[in-house]
Amino acid sequence: MDRIEILNELKKVLAPYTENKEMLDGINEETDLIKDLKINSANLVDIIIDAEAQYNIEIDFDSAEKMFTVGNCIDVISGKINHSA
């Protein structure tokens, strides 16, 4: 799974937690989950759980701490997918 495929799936994971759904259309790897997408920090755990289910991976605490931008999320997810393959 390449970065673009991960990004497209990640949009689906983020959608329920994003205040302004139109913001998802313009996200890129620099997009900050809290500042740009206005995702409540309490929902970050839910996003991690949903990402684990979506990609059939386990995200450990150290990796979860890095998931504050879309690019970081893609890095973590990609690393976990490639590690389990």
N, C-alpha and C. Protein backbone atom coordinates (compact mmCIF):
# COMPACT_ATOMS: atom_id res chain seq x y z
N MET A 1 0.86 -1.17 0.00
CA MET A 1 0.00 0.00 0.00
C MET A 1 0.90 1.24 0.00
N ASP A 2 0.70 2.12 -0.98
CA ASP A 2 1.55 3.31 -1.04
C ASP A 2 0.96 4.46 -0.22
N ARG A 3 1.69 5.55 -0.15
CA ARG A 3 1.31 6.68 0.70
C ARG A 3 -0.03 7.30 0.27
N ILE A 4 -0.28 7.34 -1.03
CA ILE A 4 -1.54 7.92 -1.52
C ILE A 4 -2.72 7.04 -1.12
N GLU A 5 -2.55 5.73 -1.22
CA GLU A 5 -3.62 4.81 -0.81
C GLU A 5 -3.88 4.93 0.69
N ILE A 6 -2.80 5.03 1.47
CA ILE A 6 -2.96 5.20 2.92
C ILE A 6 -3.68 6.51 3.21
N LEU A 7 -3.29 7.59 2.53
CA LEU A 7 -3.93 8.89 2.73
C LEU A 7 -5.42 8.82 2.43
N ASN A 8 -5.79 8.18 1.33
CA ASN A 8 -7.21 8.09 0.97
C ASN A 8 -8.01 7.32 2.01
N GLU A 9 -7.44 6.25 2.54
CA GLU A 9 -8.11 5.49 3.59
C GLU A 9 -8.12 6.27 4.91
N LEU A 10 -7.04 7.00 5.17
CA LEU A 10 -6.94 7.79 6.40
C LEU A 10 -8.02 8.88 6.44
N LYS A 11 -8.35 9.44 5.29
CA LYS A 11 -9.42 10.44 5.23
C LYS A 11 -10.72 9.86 5.78
N LYS A 12 -11.00 8.60 5.45
CA LYS A 12 -12.21 7.94 5.94
C LYS A 12 -12.17 7.76 7.46
N VAL A 13 -10.98 7.47 7.97
CA VAL A 13 -10.81 7.31 9.42
C VAL A 13 -11.01 8.65 10.13
N LEU A 14 -10.48 9.72 9.54
CA LEU A 14 -10.53 11.04 10.17
C LEU A 14 -11.90 11.72 10.06
N ALA A 15 -12.66 11.38 9.04
CA ALA A 15 -13.92 12.08 8.74
C ALA A 15 -14.88 12.22 9.93
N PRO A 16 -15.13 11.17 10.69
CA PRO A 16 -16.09 11.32 11.80
C PRO A 16 -15.63 12.28 12.90
N TYR A 17 -14.35 12.57 12.94
CA TYR A 17 -13.80 13.39 14.02
C TYR A 17 -13.45 14.81 13.58
N THR A 18 -13.66 15.12 12.30
CA THR A 18 -13.30 16.42 11.75
C THR A 18 -14.52 17.34 11.76
N GLU A 19 -14.36 18.52 12.35
CA GLU A 19 -15.47 19.48 12.41
C GLU A 19 -15.93 19.90 11.02
N ASN A 20 -14.99 20.25 10.16
CA ASN A 20 -15.29 20.75 8.83
C ASN A 20 -14.87 19.71 7.80
N LYS A 21 -15.84 18.96 7.29
CA LYS A 21 -15.55 17.85 6.36
C LYS A 21 -14.86 18.33 5.09
N GLU A 22 -15.10 19.58 4.66
CA GLU A 22 -14.46 20.10 3.46
C GLU A 22 -12.94 20.19 3.62
N MET A 23 -12.49 20.31 4.86
CA MET A 23 -11.05 20.38 5.13
C MET A 23 -10.34 19.10 4.68
N LEU A 24 -11.03 17.99 4.69
CA LEU A 24 -10.43 16.71 4.30
C LEU A 24 -10.02 16.70 2.84
N ASP A 25 -10.72 17.47 2.00
CA ASP A 25 -10.39 17.51 0.58
C ASP A 25 -9.00 18.07 0.32
N GLY A 26 -8.56 18.99 1.16
CA GLY A 26 -7.29 19.65 0.92
C GLY A 26 -6.15 19.21 1.82
N ILE A 27 -6.31 18.09 2.52
CA ILE A 27 -5.24 17.71 3.44
C ILE A 27 -4.02 17.20 2.69
N ASN A 28 -2.88 17.43 3.31
CA ASN A 28 -1.62 16.90 2.79
C ASN A 28 -0.80 16.41 3.99
N GLU A 29 0.42 16.01 3.75
CA GLU A 29 1.21 15.41 4.82
C GLU A 29 1.57 16.39 5.93
N GLU A 30 1.49 17.69 5.67
CA GLU A 30 1.79 18.68 6.70
C GLU A 30 0.57 19.05 7.54
N THR A 31 -0.59 18.59 7.17
CA THR A 31 -1.82 18.93 7.88
C THR A 31 -1.76 18.42 9.32
N ASP A 32 -1.98 19.34 10.26
CA ASP A 32 -1.99 19.01 11.68
C ASP A 32 -3.40 18.58 12.08
N LEU A 33 -3.50 17.45 12.76
CA LEU A 33 -4.82 16.91 13.10
C LEU A 33 -5.60 17.84 14.02
N ILE A 34 -4.93 18.44 14.98
CA ILE A 34 -5.63 19.28 15.96
C ILE A 34 -5.79 20.71 15.45
N LYS A 35 -4.71 21.32 14.98
CA LYS A 35 -4.75 22.72 14.57
C LYS A 35 -5.52 22.93 13.27
N ASP A 36 -5.24 22.10 12.26
CA ASP A 36 -5.84 22.31 10.95
C ASP A 36 -7.20 21.65 10.78
N LEU A 37 -7.34 20.43 11.27
CA LEU A 37 -8.61 19.71 11.11
C LEU A 37 -9.55 19.90 12.28
N LYS A 38 -9.06 20.61 13.31
CA LYS A 38 -9.88 20.92 14.50
C LYS A 38 -10.41 19.65 15.18
N ILE A 39 -9.57 18.61 15.18
CA ILE A 39 -9.95 17.37 15.85
C ILE A 39 -9.66 17.53 17.33
N ASN A 40 -10.63 17.19 18.15
CA ASN A 40 -10.48 17.26 19.61
C ASN A 40 -9.38 16.28 20.02
N SER A 41 -8.47 16.73 20.86
CA SER A 41 -7.35 15.88 21.26
C SER A 41 -7.82 14.59 21.93
N ALA A 42 -8.97 14.63 22.57
CA ALA A 42 -9.51 13.42 23.20
C ALA A 42 -9.89 12.37 22.16
N ASN A 43 -10.16 12.79 20.94
CA ASN A 43 -10.53 11.85 19.88
C ASN A 43 -9.33 11.19 19.21
N LEU A 44 -8.12 11.63 19.53
CA LEU A 44 -6.94 11.02 18.91
C LEU A 44 -6.85 9.54 19.23
N VAL A 45 -7.23 9.15 20.43
CA VAL A 45 -7.22 7.73 20.80
C VAL A 45 -8.21 6.96 19.93
N ASP A 46 -9.38 7.54 19.70
CA ASP A 46 -10.38 6.90 18.83
C ASP A 46 -9.85 6.75 17.40
N ILE A 47 -9.14 7.76 16.93
CA ILE A 47 -8.57 7.71 15.59
C ILE A 47 -7.55 6.59 15.49
N ILE A 48 -6.73 6.44 16.52
CA ILE A 48 -5.73 5.38 16.53
C ILE A 48 -6.41 4.01 16.53
N ILE A 49 -7.44 3.85 17.34
CA ILE A 49 -8.18 2.59 17.38
C ILE A 49 -8.82 2.30 16.01
N ASP A 50 -9.41 3.31 15.40
CA ASP A 50 -10.03 3.14 14.08
C ASP A 50 -8.98 2.81 13.02
N ALA A 51 -7.82 3.45 13.10
CA ALA A 51 -6.73 3.17 12.15
C ALA A 51 -6.24 1.74 12.31
N GLU A 52 -6.14 1.28 13.55
CA GLU A 52 -5.72 -0.11 13.78
C GLU A 52 -6.69 -1.07 13.12
N ALA A 53 -7.97 -0.81 13.25
CA ALA A 53 -8.99 -1.67 12.64
C ALA A 53 -8.97 -1.56 11.12
N GLN A 54 -8.85 -0.35 10.61
CA GLN A 54 -8.86 -0.11 9.16
C GLN A 54 -7.71 -0.82 8.46
N TYR A 55 -6.53 -0.76 9.06
CA TYR A 55 -5.32 -1.29 8.41
C TYR A 55 -4.88 -2.64 8.98
N ASN A 56 -5.64 -3.17 9.95
CA ASN A 56 -5.31 -4.45 10.59
C ASN A 56 -3.88 -4.44 11.15
N ILE A 57 -3.58 -3.41 11.95
CA ILE A 57 -2.27 -3.25 12.56
C ILE A 57 -2.44 -2.95 14.04
N GLU A 58 -1.33 -2.99 14.78
CA GLU A 58 -1.31 -2.54 16.17
C GLU A 58 -0.38 -1.35 16.26
N ILE A 59 -0.85 -0.28 16.87
CA ILE A 59 -0.06 0.93 17.03
C ILE A 59 0.31 1.06 18.49
N ASP A 60 1.60 0.95 18.78
CA ASP A 60 2.06 1.03 20.16
C ASP A 60 2.08 2.48 20.63
N PHE A 61 2.26 2.66 21.93
CA PHE A 61 2.20 3.99 22.54
C PHE A 61 3.23 4.94 21.93
N ASP A 62 4.46 4.47 21.74
CA ASP A 62 5.51 5.33 21.18
C ASP A 62 5.15 5.81 19.77
N SER A 63 4.59 4.92 18.98
CA SER A 63 4.17 5.30 17.63
C SER A 63 2.97 6.25 17.67
N ALA A 64 2.04 5.99 18.57
CA ALA A 64 0.84 6.82 18.69
C ALA A 64 1.20 8.27 19.03
N GLU A 65 2.23 8.44 19.85
CA GLU A 65 2.66 9.79 20.23
C GLU A 65 3.14 10.61 19.04
N LYS A 66 3.54 9.96 17.96
CA LYS A 66 4.06 10.64 16.77
C LYS A 66 2.95 11.06 15.81
N MET A 67 1.74 10.61 16.04
CA MET A 67 0.66 10.79 15.07
C MET A 67 -0.07 12.13 15.28
N PHE A 68 0.62 13.23 15.00
CA PHE A 68 0.01 14.55 15.16
C PHE A 68 -0.18 15.28 13.84
N THR A 69 0.47 14.80 12.78
CA THR A 69 0.21 15.33 11.44
C THR A 69 -0.19 14.16 10.54
N VAL A 70 -0.79 14.48 9.41
CA VAL A 70 -1.18 13.44 8.46
C VAL A 70 0.05 12.66 8.01
N GLY A 71 1.15 13.36 7.74
CA GLY A 71 2.37 12.69 7.30
C GLY A 71 2.90 11.73 8.35
N ASN A 72 2.87 12.14 9.62
CA ASN A 72 3.30 11.25 10.69
C ASN A 72 2.40 10.03 10.77
N CYS A 73 1.11 10.23 10.60
CA CYS A 73 0.16 9.10 10.62
C CYS A 73 0.49 8.12 9.50
N ILE A 74 0.75 8.66 8.31
CA ILE A 74 1.09 7.80 7.17
C ILE A 74 2.39 7.05 7.45
N ASP A 75 3.38 7.74 8.03
CA ASP A 75 4.66 7.08 8.36
C ASP A 75 4.44 5.90 9.30
N VAL A 76 3.67 6.13 10.35
CA VAL A 76 3.42 5.08 11.35
C VAL A 76 2.65 3.92 10.71
N ILE A 77 1.58 4.24 10.00
CA ILE A 77 0.76 3.20 9.38
C ILE A 77 1.56 2.42 8.35
N SER A 78 2.30 3.12 7.51
CA SER A 78 3.12 2.46 6.49
C SER A 78 4.15 1.54 7.13
N GLY A 79 4.80 2.03 8.18
CA GLY A 79 5.79 1.22 8.88
C GLY A 79 5.19 -0.04 9.48
N LYS A 80 4.00 0.08 10.04
CA LYS A 80 3.33 -1.08 10.65
C LYS A 80 2.87 -2.07 9.58
N ILE A 81 2.35 -1.55 8.46
CA ILE A 81 1.90 -2.42 7.37
C ILE A 81 3.10 -3.19 6.80
N ASN A 82 4.18 -2.46 6.54
CA ASN A 82 5.36 -3.09 5.96
C ASN A 82 6.03 -4.05 6.92
N HIS A 83 5.95 -3.76 8.21
CA HIS A 83 6.56 -4.62 9.22
C HIS A 83 5.81 -5.94 9.36
N SER A 84 4.50 -5.88 9.20
CA SER A 84 3.68 -7.08 9.36
C SER A 84 3.61 -7.91 8.08
N ALA A 85 4.05 -7.32 6.97
CA ALA A 85 3.98 -8.04 5.68
C ALA A 85 5.11 -9.04 5.53
